[in-house]
PDB file of N, CA and C in Angstrom:
ATOM      1  N   MET A   1     285.778 103.560 154.238  1.00  0.00           N
ATOM      2  CA  MET A   1     286.018 104.840 154.437  1.00  0.00           C
ATOM      3  C   MET A   1     284.540 105.596 154.763  1.00  0.00           C
ATOM      4  N   GLN A   2     284.448 106.456 155.695  1.00  0.00           N
ATOM      5  CA  GLN A   2     283.335 107.166 156.209  1.00  0.00           C
ATOM      6  C   GLN A   2     283.369 108.495 156.218  1.00  0.00           C
ATOM      7  N   SER A   3     282.423 109.229 155.965  1.00  0.00           N
ATOM      8  CA  SER A   3     282.665 110.675 156.134  1.00  0.00           C
ATOM      9  C   SER A   3     281.628 111.006 157.326  1.00  0.00           C
ATOM     10  N   LEU A   4     281.902 112.124 157.957  1.00  0.00           N
ATOM     11  CA  LEU A   4     281.136 112.634 159.211  1.00  0.00           C
ATOM     12  C   LEU A   4     280.754 114.129 158.989  1.00  0.00           C
ATOM     13  N   LEU A   5     279.403 114.375 159.079  1.00  0.00           N
ATOM     14  CA  LEU A   5     279.253 115.625 159.107  1.00  0.00           C
ATOM     15  C   LEU A   5     278.329 115.992 160.279  1.00  0.00           C
ATOM     16  N   VAL A   6     278.681 117.097 160.916  1.00  0.00           N
ATOM     17  CA  VAL A   6     277.985 117.449 162.119  1.00  0.00           C
ATOM     18  C   VAL A   6     277.091 118.757 161.728  1.00  0.00           C
ATOM     19  N   ARG A   7     275.668 118.498 162.070  1.00  0.00           N
ATOM     20  CA  ARG A   7     274.814 119.575 162.093  1.00  0.00           C
ATOM     21  C   ARG A   7     274.320 119.757 163.399  1.00  0.00           C
ATOM     22  N   PRO A   8     273.564 121.095 163.539  1.00  0.00           N
ATOM     23  CA  PRO A   8     273.010 121.473 164.873  1.00  0.00           C
ATOM     24  C   PRO A   8     272.159 120.119 165.370  1.00  0.00           C
ATOM     25  N   GLN A   9     272.565 119.663 166.497  1.00  0.00           N
ATOM     26  CA  GLN A   9     271.742 118.672 167.306  1.00  0.00           C
ATOM     27  C   GLN A   9     271.786 117.168 166.608  1.00  0.00           C
ATOM     28  N   ALA A  10     272.652 117.019 165.519  1.00  0.00           N
ATOM     29  CA  ALA A  10     272.647 115.657 164.778  1.00  0.00           C
ATOM     30  C   ALA A  10     273.933 115.654 164.226  1.00  0.00           C
ATOM     31  N   VAL A  11     274.353 114.282 164.282  1.00  0.00           N
ATOM     32  CA  VAL A  11     275.588 113.936 163.498  1.00  0.00           C
ATOM     33  C   VAL A  11     275.146 112.905 162.331  1.00  0.00           C
ATOM     34  N   ILE A  12     275.647 113.124 161.151  1.00  0.00           N
ATOM     35  CA  ILE A  12     275.289 112.185 160.127  1.00  0.00           C
ATOM     36  C   ILE A  12     276.752 111.650 159.653  1.00  0.00           C
ATOM     37  N   ILE A  13     276.652 110.201 159.808  1.00  0.00           N
ATOM     38  CA  ILE A  13     277.787 109.369 159.293  1.00  0.00           C
ATOM     39  C   ILE A  13     277.377 108.589 157.987  1.00  0.00           C
ATOM     40  N   ARG A  14     278.203 108.639 157.072  1.00  0.00           N
ATOM     41  CA  ARG A  14     278.080 108.113 155.832  1.00  0.00           C
ATOM     42  C   ARG A  14     279.055 107.007 155.466  1.00  0.00           C
ATOM     43  N   PRO A  15     278.844 105.769 155.943  1.00  0.00           N
ATOM     44  CA  PRO A  15     279.705 104.726 155.655  1.00  0.00           C
ATOM     45  C   PRO A  15     279.562 104.245 154.022  1.00  0.00           C
ATOM     46  N   CYS A  16     280.709 103.830 153.525  1.00  0.00           N
ATOM     47  CA  CYS A  16     280.970 103.343 152.251  1.00  0.00           C
ATOM     48  C   CYS A  16     281.266 101.996 152.057  1.00  0.00           C
ATOM     49  N   GLY A  17     280.859 101.422 150.957  1.00  0.00           N
ATOM     50  CA  GLY A  17     281.200 100.144 150.813  1.00  0.00           C
ATOM     51  C   GLY A  17     280.419  98.967 151.511  1.00  0.00           C
ATOM     52  N   SER A  18     281.266  98.171 151.913  1.00  0.00           N
ATOM     53  CA  SER A  18     280.567  97.030 152.648  1.00  0.00           C
ATOM     54  C   SER A  18     280.742  97.412 154.332  1.00  0.00           C
ATOM     55  N   LEU A  19     279.961  96.964 155.047  1.00  0.00           N
ATOM     56  CA  LEU A  19     279.970  97.054 156.458  1.00  0.00           C
ATOM     57  C   LEU A  19     279.969  95.468 156.747  1.00  0.00           C
ATOM     58  N   ASN A  20     281.106  95.156 157.185  1.00  0.00           N
ATOM     59  CA  ASN A  20     281.323  93.638 157.332  1.00  0.00           C
ATOM     60  C   ASN A  20     282.219  93.441 158.485  1.00  0.00           C
ATOM     61  N   ALA A  21     282.661  92.189 158.885  1.00  0.00           N
ATOM     62  CA  ALA A  21     283.495  91.827 159.816  1.00  0.00           C
ATOM     63  C   ALA A  21     284.894  92.428 159.853  1.00  0.00           C
ATOM     64  N   ALA A  22     285.287  92.810 158.479  1.00  0.00           N
ATOM     65  CA  ALA A  22     286.715  93.442 158.490  1.00  0.00           C
ATOM     66  C   ALA A  22     286.602  94.892 159.010  1.00  0.00           C
ATOM     67  N   ASN A  23     285.607  95.530 158.983  1.00  0.00           N
ATOM     68  CA  ASN A  23     285.511  97.030 159.352  1.00  0.00           C
ATOM     69  C   ASN A  23     284.460  97.250 160.523  1.00  0.00           C
ATOM     70  N   ALA A  24     283.676  96.259 160.979  1.00  0.00           N
ATOM     71  CA  ALA A  24     282.649  96.607 161.844  1.00  0.00           C
ATOM     72  C   ALA A  24     283.080  97.204 163.128  1.00  0.00           C
ATOM     73  N   ALA A  25     284.186  96.725 163.717  1.00  0.00           N
ATOM     74  CA  ALA A  25     284.587  97.292 165.007  1.00  0.00           C
ATOM     75  C   ALA A  25     285.097  98.739 164.876  1.00  0.00           C
ATOM     76  N   GLU A  26     285.639  99.160 163.867  1.00  0.00           N
ATOM     77  CA  GLU A  26     286.084 100.575 163.551  1.00  0.00           C
ATOM     78  C   GLU A  26     284.760 101.382 163.344  1.00  0.00           C
ATOM     79  N   PHE A  27     283.799 100.865 162.578  1.00  0.00           N
ATOM     80  CA  PHE A  27     282.595 101.568 162.405  1.00  0.00           C
ATOM     81  C   PHE A  27     281.750 101.619 163.705  1.00  0.00           C
ATOM     82  N   GLN A  28     281.677 100.611 164.452  1.00  0.00           N
ATOM     83  CA  GLN A  28     281.060 100.866 165.753  1.00  0.00           C
ATOM     84  C   GLN A  28     281.737 101.748 166.641  1.00  0.00           C
ATOM     85  N   GLN A  29     283.015 101.942 166.750  1.00  0.00           N
ATOM     86  CA  GLN A  29     283.836 102.926 167.553  1.00  0.00           C
ATOM     87  C   GLN A  29     283.514 104.374 167.109  1.00  0.00           C
ATOM     88  N   GLN A  30     283.183 104.576 165.864  1.00  0.00           N
ATOM     89  CA  GLN A  30     282.828 105.951 165.375  1.00  0.00           C
ATOM     90  C   GLN A  30     281.325 106.274 165.545  1.00  0.00           C
ATOM     91  N   LEU A  31     280.565 105.120 165.581  1.00  0.00           N
ATOM     92  CA  LEU A  31     279.135 105.352 165.938  1.00  0.00           C
ATOM     93  C   LEU A  31     278.977 105.633 167.472  1.00  0.00           C
ATOM     94  N   ASN A  32     279.842 104.887 168.267  1.00  0.00           N
ATOM     95  CA  ASN A  32     279.596 104.995 169.732  1.00  0.00           C
ATOM     96  C   ASN A  32     280.223 106.441 170.139  1.00  0.00           C
ATOM     97  N   ALA A  33     281.352 106.967 169.509  1.00  0.00           N
ATOM     98  CA  ALA A  33     281.713 108.296 169.745  1.00  0.00           C
ATOM     99  C   ALA A  33     280.797 109.327 169.549  1.00  0.00           C
ATOM    100  N   ALA A  34     280.014 109.180 168.273  1.00  0.00           N
ATOM    101  CA  ALA A  34     278.976 110.017 168.050  1.00  0.00           C
ATOM    102  C   ALA A  34     277.900 110.093 169.099  1.00  0.00           C
ATOM    103  N   VAL A  35     277.469 108.900 169.476  1.00  0.00           N
ATOM    104  CA  VAL A  35     276.377 108.911 170.510  1.00  0.00           C
ATOM    105  C   VAL A  35     276.844 109.270 171.812  1.00  0.00           C
ATOM    106  N   LEU A  36     278.049 109.328 172.274  1.00  0.00           N
ATOM    107  CA  LEU A  36     278.535 109.807 173.469  1.00  0.00           C
ATOM    108  C   LEU A  36     278.888 111.151 173.426  1.00  0.00           C
ATOM    109  N   SER A  37     278.964 111.659 172.101  1.00  0.00           N
ATOM    110  CA  SER A  37     279.403 113.243 172.257  1.00  0.00           C
ATOM    111  C   SER A  37     278.150 114.045 172.683  1.00  0.00           C
ATOM    112  N   GLU A  38     278.494 115.047 173.626  1.00  0.00           N
ATOM    113  CA  GLU A  38     277.399 115.951 174.121  1.00  0.00           C
ATOM    114  C   GLU A  38     277.017 117.041 173.192  1.00  0.00           C
ATOM    115  N   GLN A  39     277.522 117.085 172.044  1.00  0.00           N
ATOM    116  CA  GLN A  39     277.398 118.161 170.974  1.00  0.00           C
ATOM    117  C   GLN A  39     275.973 117.747 170.333  1.00  0.00           C
ATOM    118  N   ASN A  40     275.567 116.622 170.185  1.00  0.00           N
ATOM    119  CA  ASN A  40     274.283 116.389 169.594  1.00  0.00           C
ATOM    120  C   ASN A  40     273.399 115.360 170.388  1.00  0.00           C
ATOM    121  N   ASN A  41     272.052 115.364 169.983  1.00  0.00           N
ATOM    122  CA  ASN A  41     271.170 114.442 170.551  1.00  0.00           C
ATOM    123  C   ASN A  41     270.578 113.377 169.598  1.00  0.00           C
ATOM    124  N   ALA A  42     271.270 113.408 168.285  1.00  0.00           N
ATOM    125  CA  ALA A  42     270.825 112.617 167.390  1.00  0.00           C
ATOM    126  C   ALA A  42     271.876 111.960 166.391  1.00  0.00           C
ATOM    127  N   LEU A  43     271.831 110.753 165.858  1.00  0.00           N
ATOM    128  CA  LEU A  43     272.754 110.367 165.048  1.00  0.00           C
ATOM    129  C   LEU A  43     272.086 109.735 163.799  1.00  0.00           C
ATOM    130  N   VAL A  44     272.377 110.024 162.624  1.00  0.00           N
ATOM    131  CA  VAL A  44     271.913 109.524 161.372  1.00  0.00           C
ATOM    132  C   VAL A  44     272.805 108.805 160.601  1.00  0.00           C
ATOM    133  N   VAL A  45     272.530 107.513 160.278  1.00  0.00           N
ATOM    134  CA  VAL A  45     273.456 106.789 159.444  1.00  0.00           C
ATOM    135  C   VAL A  45     272.892 106.805 158.148  1.00  0.00           C
ATOM    136  N   ASP A  46     273.590 107.585 157.206  1.00  0.00           N
ATOM    137  CA  ASP A  46     273.220 107.636 155.808  1.00  0.00           C
ATOM    138  C   ASP A  46     273.740 106.566 155.041  1.00  0.00           C
ATOM    139  N   MET A  47     272.852 105.495 154.618  1.00  0.00           N
ATOM    140  CA  MET A  47     273.333 104.288 154.070  1.00  0.00           C
ATOM    141  C   MET A  47     273.371 104.350 152.656  1.00  0.00           C
ATOM    142  N   SER A  48     273.365 105.542 151.997  1.00  0.00           N
ATOM    143  CA  SER A  48     273.341 105.548 150.467  1.00  0.00           C
ATOM    144  C   SER A  48     274.581 105.006 149.923  1.00  0.00           C
ATOM    145  N   GLN A  49     275.697 105.031 150.462  1.00  0.00           N
ATOM    146  CA  GLN A  49     276.876 104.384 149.996  1.00  0.00           C
ATOM    147  C   GLN A  49     277.266 102.993 150.403  1.00  0.00           C
ATOM    148  N   VAL A  50     276.282 102.325 151.052  1.00  0.00           N
ATOM    149  CA  VAL A  50     276.680 100.991 151.610  1.00  0.00           C
ATOM    150  C   VAL A  50     276.120  99.927 150.472  1.00  0.00           C
ATOM    151  N   GLU A  51     277.052  99.121 150.114  1.00  0.00           N
ATOM    152  CA  GLU A  51     276.806  98.046 149.096  1.00  0.00           C
ATOM    153  C   GLU A  51     276.362  96.785 149.712  1.00  0.00           C
ATOM    154  N   ALA A  52     276.854  96.477 150.886  1.00  0.00           N
ATOM    155  CA  ALA A  52     276.534  95.294 151.537  1.00  0.00           C
ATOM    156  C   ALA A  52     276.602  95.407 153.085  1.00  0.00           C
ATOM    157  N   LEU A  53     275.866  94.534 153.651  1.00  0.00           N
ATOM    158  CA  LEU A  53     275.858  94.532 155.134  1.00  0.00           C
ATOM    159  C   LEU A  53     275.842  92.985 155.683  1.00  0.00           C
ATOM    160  N   ASP A  54     276.849  92.698 156.460  1.00  0.00           N
ATOM    161  CA  ASP A  54     276.597  91.367 157.052  1.00  0.00           C
ATOM    162  C   ASP A  54     276.336  91.368 158.450  1.00  0.00           C
ATOM    163  N   SER A  55     276.489  90.309 159.090  1.00  0.00           N
ATOM    164  CA  SER A  55     276.040  90.095 160.608  1.00  0.00           C
ATOM    165  C   SER A  55     276.840  91.061 161.540  1.00  0.00           C
ATOM    166  N   ALA A  56     278.185  91.336 161.138  1.00  0.00           N
ATOM    167  CA  ALA A  56     278.993  92.016 162.008  1.00  0.00           C
ATOM    168  C   ALA A  56     278.581  93.500 161.808  1.00  0.00           C
ATOM    169  N   GLY A  57     278.483  93.864 160.683  1.00  0.00           N
ATOM    170  CA  GLY A  57     277.804  95.273 160.555  1.00  0.00           C
ATOM    171  C   GLY A  57     276.589  95.605 161.003  1.00  0.00           C
ATOM    172  N   LEU A  58     275.615  94.615 161.069  1.00  0.00           N
ATOM    173  CA  LEU A  58     274.285  94.632 161.670  1.00  0.00           C
ATOM    174  C   LEU A  58     274.492  94.869 163.097  1.00  0.00           C
ATOM    175  N   MET A  59     275.272  94.119 163.614  1.00  0.00           N
ATOM    176  CA  MET A  59     275.410  93.942 165.037  1.00  0.00           C
ATOM    177  C   MET A  59     276.106  95.280 165.639  1.00  0.00           C
ATOM    178  N   ALA A  60     276.782  95.867 164.800  1.00  0.00           N
ATOM    179  CA  ALA A  60     277.436  97.248 165.098  1.00  0.00           C
ATOM    180  C   ALA A  60     276.368  98.283 165.004  1.00  0.00           C
ATOM    181  N   LEU A  61     275.420  98.254 164.370  1.00  0.00           N
ATOM    182  CA  LEU A  61     274.242  99.131 164.336  1.00  0.00           C
ATOM    183  C   LEU A  61     273.302  98.819 165.557  1.00  0.00           C
ATOM    184  N   VAL A  62     273.014  97.713 165.829  1.00  0.00           N
ATOM    185  CA  VAL A  62     272.110  97.062 166.850  1.00  0.00           C
ATOM    186  C   VAL A  62     272.822  97.552 168.259  1.00  0.00           C
ATOM    187  N   SER A  63     273.995  97.393 168.339  1.00  0.00           N
ATOM    188  CA  SER A  63     274.576  97.803 169.604  1.00  0.00           C
ATOM    189  C   SER A  63     274.693  99.317 169.741  1.00  0.00           C
ATOM    190  N   THR A  64     274.861  99.991 168.669  1.00  0.00           N
ATOM    191  CA  THR A  64     274.866 101.582 168.825  1.00  0.00           C
ATOM    192  C   THR A  64     273.357 101.791 169.099  1.00  0.00           C
ATOM    193  N   LEU A  65     272.390 101.276 168.738  1.00  0.00           N
ATOM    194  CA  LEU A  65     271.004 101.693 169.086  1.00  0.00           C
ATOM    195  C   LEU A  65     270.796 101.413 170.491  1.00  0.00           C
ATOM    196  N   ASN A  66     271.228 100.387 170.990  1.00  0.00           N
ATOM    197  CA  ASN A  66     271.082 100.166 172.505  1.00  0.00           C
ATOM    198  C   ASN A  66     271.910 101.227 173.361  1.00  0.00           C
ATOM    199  N   LEU A  67     273.063 101.535 172.828  1.00  0.00           N
ATOM    200  CA  LEU A  67     273.728 102.560 173.460  1.00  0.00           C
ATOM    201  C   LEU A  67     272.930 103.858 173.494  1.00  0.00           C
ATOM    202  N   ALA A  68     272.486 104.311 172.421  1.00  0.00           N
ATOM    203  CA  ALA A  68     271.784 105.550 172.072  1.00  0.00           C
ATOM    204  C   ALA A  68     270.457 105.529 172.996  1.00  0.00           C
ATOM    205  N   LYS A  69     269.708 104.361 173.048  1.00  0.00           N
ATOM    206  CA  LYS A  69     268.630 104.371 174.084  1.00  0.00           C
ATOM    207  C   LYS A  69     269.074 104.610 175.494  1.00  0.00           C
ATOM    208  N   VAL A  70     270.177 104.051 175.953  1.00  0.00           N
ATOM    209  CA  VAL A  70     270.677 104.139 177.357  1.00  0.00           C
ATOM    210  C   VAL A  70     270.892 105.696 177.465  1.00  0.00           C
ATOM    211  N   HIS A  71     271.533 106.415 176.470  1.00  0.00           N
ATOM    212  CA  HIS A  71     271.718 107.722 176.636  1.00  0.00           C
ATOM    213  C   HIS A  71     270.577 108.817 176.226  1.00  0.00           C
ATOM    214  N   GLN A  72     269.483 108.133 175.891  1.00  0.00           N
ATOM    215  CA  GLN A  72     268.401 108.879 175.544  1.00  0.00           C
ATOM    216  C   GLN A  72     268.705 109.802 174.431  1.00  0.00           C
ATOM    217  N   LYS A  73     269.263 109.089 173.236  1.00  0.00           N
ATOM    218  CA  LYS A  73     269.598 109.793 171.951  1.00  0.00           C
ATOM    219  C   LYS A  73     268.798 109.124 170.803  1.00  0.00           C
ATOM    220  N   ARG A  74     268.734 109.648 169.954  1.00  0.00           N
ATOM    221  CA  ARG A  74     268.086 109.136 168.596  1.00  0.00           C
ATOM    222  C   ARG A  74     268.929 108.740 167.619  1.00  0.00           C
ATOM    223  N   LEU A  75     268.746 107.421 167.271  1.00  0.00           N
ATOM    224  CA  LEU A  75     269.562 106.838 166.177  1.00  0.00           C
ATOM    225  C   LEU A  75     268.517 106.395 164.896  1.00  0.00           C
ATOM    226  N   SER A  76     268.915 107.000 163.733  1.00  0.00           N
ATOM    227  CA  SER A  76     268.095 106.727 162.666  1.00  0.00           C
ATOM    228  C   SER A  76     269.013 106.427 161.474  1.00  0.00           C
ATOM    229  N   LEU A  77     268.299 105.610 160.481  1.00  0.00           N
ATOM    230  CA  LEU A  77     268.940 105.351 159.223  1.00  0.00           C
ATOM    231  C   LEU A  77     268.141 105.949 158.004  1.00  0.00           C
ATOM    232  N   CYS A  78     269.061 106.214 156.940  1.00  0.00           N
ATOM    233  CA  CYS A  78     268.237 106.794 155.805  1.00  0.00           C
ATOM    234  C   CYS A  78     269.020 106.317 154.659  1.00  0.00           C
ATOM    235  N   SER A  79     268.308 106.438 153.557  1.00  0.00           N
ATOM    236  CA  SER A  79     268.769 106.078 152.266  1.00  0.00           C
ATOM    237  C   SER A  79     269.298 104.627 152.098  1.00  0.00           C
ATOM    238  N   VAL A  80     268.518 103.670 152.652  1.00  0.00           N
ATOM    239  CA  VAL A  80     268.893 102.228 152.712  1.00  0.00           C
ATOM    240  C   VAL A  80     268.597 101.716 151.392  1.00  0.00           C
ATOM    241  N   SER A  81     269.518 100.994 150.612  1.00  0.00           N
ATOM    242  CA  SER A  81     269.356 100.392 149.367  1.00  0.00           C
ATOM    243  C   SER A  81     268.409  99.227 149.517  1.00  0.00           C
ATOM    244  N   SER A  82     267.765  98.793 148.465  1.00  0.00           N
ATOM    245  CA  SER A  82     266.920  97.599 148.603  1.00  0.00           C
ATOM    246  C   SER A  82     267.715  96.349 148.936  1.00  0.00           C
ATOM    247  N   SER A  83     269.027  96.303 148.384  1.00  0.00           N
ATOM    248  CA  SER A  83     269.683  95.131 148.630  1.00  0.00           C
ATOM    249  C   SER A  83     270.117  94.977 150.134  1.00  0.00           C
ATOM    250  N   VAL A  84     270.342  96.365 150.755  1.00  0.00           N
ATOM    251  CA  VAL A  84     270.622  96.285 152.177  1.00  0.00           C
ATOM    252  C   VAL A  84     269.297  96.275 153.060  1.00  0.00           C
ATOM    253  N   ARG A  85     268.284  96.771 152.735  1.00  0.00           N
ATOM    254  CA  ARG A  85     266.972  96.909 153.313  1.00  0.00           C
ATOM    255  C   ARG A  85     266.634  95.389 153.576  1.00  0.00           C
ATOM    256  N   ILE A  86     266.846  94.526 152.573  1.00  0.00           N
ATOM    257  CA  ILE A  86     266.144  93.231 152.787  1.00  0.00           C
ATOM    258  C   ILE A  86     266.828  92.495 153.977  1.00  0.00           C
ATOM    259  N   VAL A  87     268.065  92.745 154.443  1.00  0.00           N
ATOM    260  CA  VAL A  87     268.782  92.296 155.494  1.00  0.00           C
ATOM    261  C   VAL A  87     267.939  92.735 156.880  1.00  0.00           C
ATOM    262  N   PHE A  88     267.450  94.132 156.821  1.00  0.00           N
ATOM    263  CA  PHE A  88     266.698  94.545 157.830  1.00  0.00           C
ATOM    264  C   PHE A  88     265.359  93.934 158.116  1.00  0.00           C
ATOM    265  N   GLU A  89     264.806  93.521 156.799  1.00  0.00           N
ATOM    266  CA  GLU A  89     263.468  92.920 156.745  1.00  0.00           C
ATOM    267  C   GLU A  89     263.413  91.470 157.213  1.00  0.00           C
ATOM    268  N   LEU A  90     264.649  90.836 156.844  1.00  0.00           N
ATOM    269  CA  LEU A  90     264.702  89.232 156.999  1.00  0.00           C
ATOM    270  C   LEU A  90     264.937  89.218 158.517  1.00  0.00           C
ATOM    271  N   THR A  91     265.622  90.221 159.203  1.00  0.00           N
ATOM    272  CA  THR A  91     265.832  90.064 160.732  1.00  0.00           C
ATOM    273  C   THR A  91     264.771  90.797 161.422  1.00  0.00           C
ATOM    274  N   GLN A  92     263.734  91.302 160.768  1.00  0.00           N
ATOM    275  CA  GLN A  92     262.685  92.112 161.315  1.00  0.00           C
ATOM    276  C   GLN A  92     263.319  93.423 162.115  1.00  0.00           C
ATOM    277  N   LEU A  93     264.455  93.788 161.868  1.00  0.00           N
ATOM    278  CA  LEU A  93     264.985  94.952 162.496  1.00  0.00           C
ATOM    279  C   LEU A  93     264.576  96.276 161.875  1.00  0.00           C
ATOM    280  N   ASP A  94     263.775  96.136 160.627  1.00  0.00           N
ATOM    281  CA  ASP A  94     263.082  97.250 160.102  1.00  0.00           C
ATOM    282  C   ASP A  94     262.046  97.795 160.969  1.00  0.00           C
ATOM    283  N   ARG A  95     261.635  97.051 162.077  1.00  0.00           N
ATOM    284  CA  ARG A  95     260.689  97.362 162.978  1.00  0.00           C
ATOM    285  C   ARG A  95     261.120  98.034 164.160  1.00  0.00           C
ATOM    286  N   VAL A  96     262.545  97.817 164.298  1.00  0.00           N
ATOM    287  CA  VAL A  96     263.184  98.413 165.352  1.00  0.00           C
ATOM    288  C   VAL A  96     263.906  99.699 165.070  1.00  0.00           C
ATOM    289  N   PHE A  97     264.586  99.796 163.892  1.00  0.00           N
ATOM    290  CA  PHE A  97     265.164 101.018 163.475  1.00  0.00           C
ATOM    291  C   PHE A  97     264.145 102.048 162.919  1.00  0.00           C
ATOM    292  N   GLU A  98     264.327 103.254 163.077  1.00  0.00           N
ATOM    293  CA  GLU A  98     263.788 104.385 162.557  1.00  0.00           C
ATOM    294  C   GLU A  98     264.386 104.501 161.256  1.00  0.00           C
ATOM    295  N   ILE A  99     263.814 104.227 160.149  1.00  0.00           N
ATOM    296  CA  ILE A  99     264.537 104.278 158.802  1.00  0.00           C
ATOM    297  C   ILE A  99     263.641 105.327 157.835  1.00  0.00           C
ATOM    298  N   PHE A 100     264.588 106.133 157.426  1.00  0.00           N
ATOM    299  CA  PHE A 100     263.880 107.207 156.479  1.00  0.00           C
ATOM    300  C   PHE A 100     264.335 107.015 155.043  1.00  0.00           C
ATOM    301  N   GLU A 101     263.422 107.463 153.927  1.00  0.00           N
ATOM    302  CA  GLU A 101     263.867 107.278 152.606  1.00  0.00           C
ATOM    303  C   GLU A 101     265.218 108.117 152.353  1.00  0.00           C
ATOM    304  N   SER A 102     265.383 109.278 152.867  1.00  0.00           N
ATOM    305  CA  SER A 102     266.297 110.130 152.557  1.00  0.00           C
ATOM    306  C   SER A 102     266.694 111.092 153.862  1.00  0.00           C
ATOM    307  N   ILE A 103     267.869 111.782 153.756  1.00  0.00           N
ATOM    308  CA  ILE A 103     268.259 112.475 154.864  1.00  0.00           C
ATOM    309  C   ILE A 103     267.275 113.716 155.104  1.00  0.00           C
ATOM    310  N   SER A 104     266.611 114.240 153.810  1.00  0.00           N
ATOM    311  CA  SER A 104     265.604 115.231 154.071  1.00  0.00           C
ATOM    312  C   SER A 104     264.306 114.767 154.857  1.00  0.00           C
ATOM    313  N   GLY A 105     264.075 113.382 154.739  1.00  0.00           N
ATOM    314  CA  GLY A 105     263.039 112.830 155.464  1.00  0.00           C
ATOM    315  C   GLY A 105     263.300 112.951 157.081  1.00  0.00           C
ATOM    316  N   PHE A 106     264.564 112.620 157.346  1.00  0.00           N
ATOM    317  CA  PHE A 106     264.872 112.762 158.698  1.00  0.00           C
ATOM    318  C   PHE A 106     264.813 114.230 159.202  1.00  0.00           C
ATOM    319  N   GLU A 107     265.356 115.031 158.362  1.00  0.00           N
ATOM    320  CA  GLU A 107     265.344 116.609 158.680  1.00  0.00           C
ATOM    321  C   GLU A 107     263.763 117.133 158.971  1.00  0.00           C
ATOM    322  N   LEU A 108     262.979 116.636 158.083  1.00  0.00           N
ATOM    323  CA  LEU A 108     261.502 117.127 158.121  1.00  0.00           C
ATOM    324  C   LEU A 108     260.907 116.396 159.596  1.00  0.00           C
ATOM    325  N   ALA A 109     261.222 115.335 159.872  1.00  0.00           N
ATOM    326  CA  ALA A 109     260.704 114.673 161.023  1.00  0.00           C
ATOM    327  C   ALA A 109     261.270 115.330 162.226  1.00  0.00           C
ATOM    328  N   ALA A 110     262.630 115.639 162.205  1.00  0.00           N
ATOM    329  CA  ALA A 110     263.341 116.227 163.334  1.00  0.00           C
ATOM    330  C   ALA A 110     262.798 117.827 163.516  1.00  0.00           C
ATOM    331  N   ALA A 111     262.269 118.472 162.451  1.00  0.00           N
ATOM    332  CA  ALA A 111     261.870 119.854 162.592  1.00  0.00           C
ATOM    333  C   ALA A 111     260.706 120.064 163.543  1.00  0.00           C
TER     334      ALA A 111
END
């Protein structure tokens, strides 16, 4: 289950539980819809409630990042737990994604 918050110029998506092969397609559809929306120019994925991330979940994020770049939109991650952050570090995707410690970190950078 995920929650969706819309703020001026940004959409915040908060996935919960595991992002894996069982739910990656649905997760990616929600991310793509947020990127393609003309109501915002940024998407933040708040990872604070994500307990696990497998290759399918990671691929959904990478695909959405590519889509965001094509549409000249910003995709950021925040509140990534240490157990999930290791996946980004091992794949060196921590160098590709803009990752903030918290949502307030993103808001400060966006201001």
